[in-house]
Amino acid sequence: MQSATPGPGGSSSIRRLEAKGSVVVTQKDQVVTGETAVFDTKTNLITMLGGVVLTQCGNVVRGDRLLVDMTTGVSRIESDSGKVQFLSDQSGQGCGSSTSGSKIPLPTPAPPINPNNINYL
């Protein structure tokens, strides 16, 4: 894969990064899946679209969009139908517990990212 050539000003800075097709983002104990992810470097905002599923420990939230403000750390899940689904793990075991209990299954991991599905703008 070739790197992008610098623009007219002589620098190559990425303004927007898109990933399409079964996107998986993992951070610590959180996993988010969706069909598309867009990172706007100017606004420092990440938007995930298309059947978004956020899991943390045994808790699951589902919606159509996830917006994450990387400056403030504030996240928001939205749904076109007005209904966001939330399933809470009531076992009280928390993250990383090795004792058995009823856990909400994590979404099936997506295949590795294909560099051909990433658009650099």
Protein backbone atom coordinates (compact mmCIF):
# COMPACT_ATOMS: atom_id res chain seq x y z
CA MET A 1 0.00 0.00 0.00
CA GLN A 2 1.42 3.37 -1.01
CA SER A 3 1.27 6.35 1.29
CA ALA A 4 -0.62 9.47 0.22
CA THR A 5 1.35 12.17 -1.55
CA PRO A 6 1.57 15.59 0.12
CA GLY A 7 -0.93 18.24 -0.92
CA PRO A 8 -0.16 21.56 -2.63
CA GLY A 9 1.12 23.07 0.63
CA GLY A 10 3.75 20.34 0.93
CA SER A 11 2.30 18.64 4.00
CA SER A 12 0.17 15.54 4.29
CA SER A 13 -2.21 15.90 7.22
CA ILE A 14 -5.26 13.69 7.51
CA ARG A 15 -8.48 15.63 8.05
CA ARG A 16 -10.93 12.74 8.00
CA LEU A 17 -10.53 9.00 8.34
CA GLU A 18 -13.25 6.53 7.33
CA ALA A 19 -13.46 2.79 7.94
CA LYS A 20 -16.22 0.76 6.31
CA GLY A 21 -17.48 -2.78 6.71
CA SER A 22 -17.78 -4.50 10.10
CA VAL A 23 -15.72 -1.98 12.07
CA VAL A 24 -14.56 -2.99 15.57
CA VAL A 25 -13.04 -0.51 18.03
CA THR A 26 -11.65 -1.76 21.35
CA GLN A 27 -10.53 0.34 24.31
CA LYS A 28 -9.82 -1.27 27.67
CA ASP A 29 -13.03 -3.12 28.65
CA GLN A 30 -15.17 -1.51 25.92
CA VAL A 31 -15.90 -2.97 22.47
CA VAL A 32 -17.90 -1.08 19.82
CA THR A 33 -19.01 -2.59 16.54
CA GLY A 34 -20.72 -0.94 13.58
CA GLU A 35 -20.73 -0.78 9.80
CA THR A 36 -18.92 2.55 9.40
CA ALA A 37 -16.65 4.73 11.54
CA VAL A 38 -15.65 8.31 10.72
CA PHE A 39 -13.01 10.30 12.60
CA ASP A 40 -13.01 14.05 11.90
CA THR A 41 -9.67 15.39 13.11
CA LYS A 42 -10.82 19.04 12.97
CA THR A 43 -13.72 18.54 15.39
CA ASN A 44 -12.04 15.60 17.19
CA LEU A 45 -15.33 13.68 16.80
CA ILE A 46 -15.74 9.97 16.07
CA THR A 47 -19.05 8.82 14.60
CA MET A 48 -19.96 5.14 14.27
CA LEU A 49 -22.96 4.22 12.14
CA GLY A 50 -25.00 1.17 11.23
CA GLY A 51 -26.17 -1.26 13.89
CA VAL A 52 -23.89 0.08 16.61
CA VAL A 53 -23.32 -2.24 19.57
CA LEU A 54 -21.35 -1.04 22.60
CA THR A 55 -20.36 -3.58 25.25
CA GLN A 56 -18.62 -2.93 28.54
CA CYS A 57 -18.22 -5.87 30.89
CA GLY A 58 -21.65 -7.52 30.70
CA ASN A 59 -23.56 -4.38 29.73
CA VAL A 60 -24.74 -3.88 26.14
CA VAL A 61 -26.12 -0.75 24.43
CA ARG A 62 -27.51 -0.84 20.87
CA GLY A 63 -28.40 2.04 18.58
CA ASP A 64 -27.97 3.45 15.08
CA ARG A 65 -25.19 5.97 15.85
CA LEU A 66 -22.49 6.47 18.43
CA LEU A 67 -20.89 9.92 18.69
CA VAL A 68 -17.72 10.29 20.74
CA ASP A 69 -16.22 13.71 21.46
CA MET A 70 -12.56 12.90 21.96
CA THR A 71 -11.91 16.32 23.53
CA THR A 72 -14.48 16.01 26.33
CA GLY A 73 -14.72 12.22 26.47
CA VAL A 74 -18.52 12.44 26.21
CA SER A 75 -20.25 9.69 24.21
CA ARG A 76 -23.82 9.62 22.95
CA ILE A 77 -25.81 6.77 21.38
CA GLU A 78 -28.75 7.69 19.16
CA SER A 79 -31.46 5.72 17.37
CA ASP A 80 -33.53 6.72 14.36
CA SER A 81 -36.56 5.01 15.91
CA GLY A 82 -36.05 6.93 19.16
CA LYS A 83 -35.41 3.68 21.04
CA VAL A 84 -31.94 2.84 22.29
CA GLN A 85 -31.65 -0.66 23.74
CA PHE A 86 -29.74 -1.20 26.98
CA LEU A 87 -29.10 -4.58 28.60
CA SER A 88 -27.54 -4.46 32.04
CA ASP A 89 -25.52 -7.25 33.66
CA GLN A 90 -27.25 -7.60 37.02
CA SER A 91 -24.97 -10.37 38.29
CA GLY A 92 -22.94 -7.82 40.26
CA GLN A 93 -19.71 -9.53 39.24
CA GLY A 94 -18.26 -6.55 37.39
CA CYS A 95 -15.47 -6.62 34.83
CA GLY A 96 -12.78 -9.23 34.85
CA SER A 97 -14.57 -11.53 37.25
CA SER A 98 -13.68 -15.17 36.77
CA THR A 99 -16.72 -16.63 38.54
CA SER A 100 -19.40 -18.04 36.32
CA GLY A 101 -22.74 -16.33 35.93
CA SER A 102 -25.16 -15.23 33.29
CA LYS A 103 -23.25 -12.98 30.94
CA ILE A 104 -24.53 -11.16 27.90
CA PRO A 105 -22.56 -12.45 24.91
CA LEU A 106 -20.22 -10.05 23.15
CA PRO A 107 -20.82 -9.38 19.47
CA THR A 108 -19.02 -11.62 17.01
CA PRO A 109 -15.66 -10.04 16.17
CA ALA A 110 -15.27 -8.74 12.64
CA PRO A 111 -12.50 -9.95 10.34
CA PRO A 112 -9.26 -7.92 10.23
CA ILE A 113 -9.50 -4.47 8.65
CA ASN A 114 -8.90 -4.48 4.90
CA PRO A 115 -6.73 -1.43 4.02
CA ASN A 116 -8.70 -1.13 0.76
CA ASN A 117 -11.81 -0.22 2.81
CA ILE A 118 -10.19 2.83 4.43
CA ASN A 119 -10.66 6.19 2.72
CA TYR A 120 -8.10 8.89 3.53
CA LEU A 121 -9.52 12.35 2.77
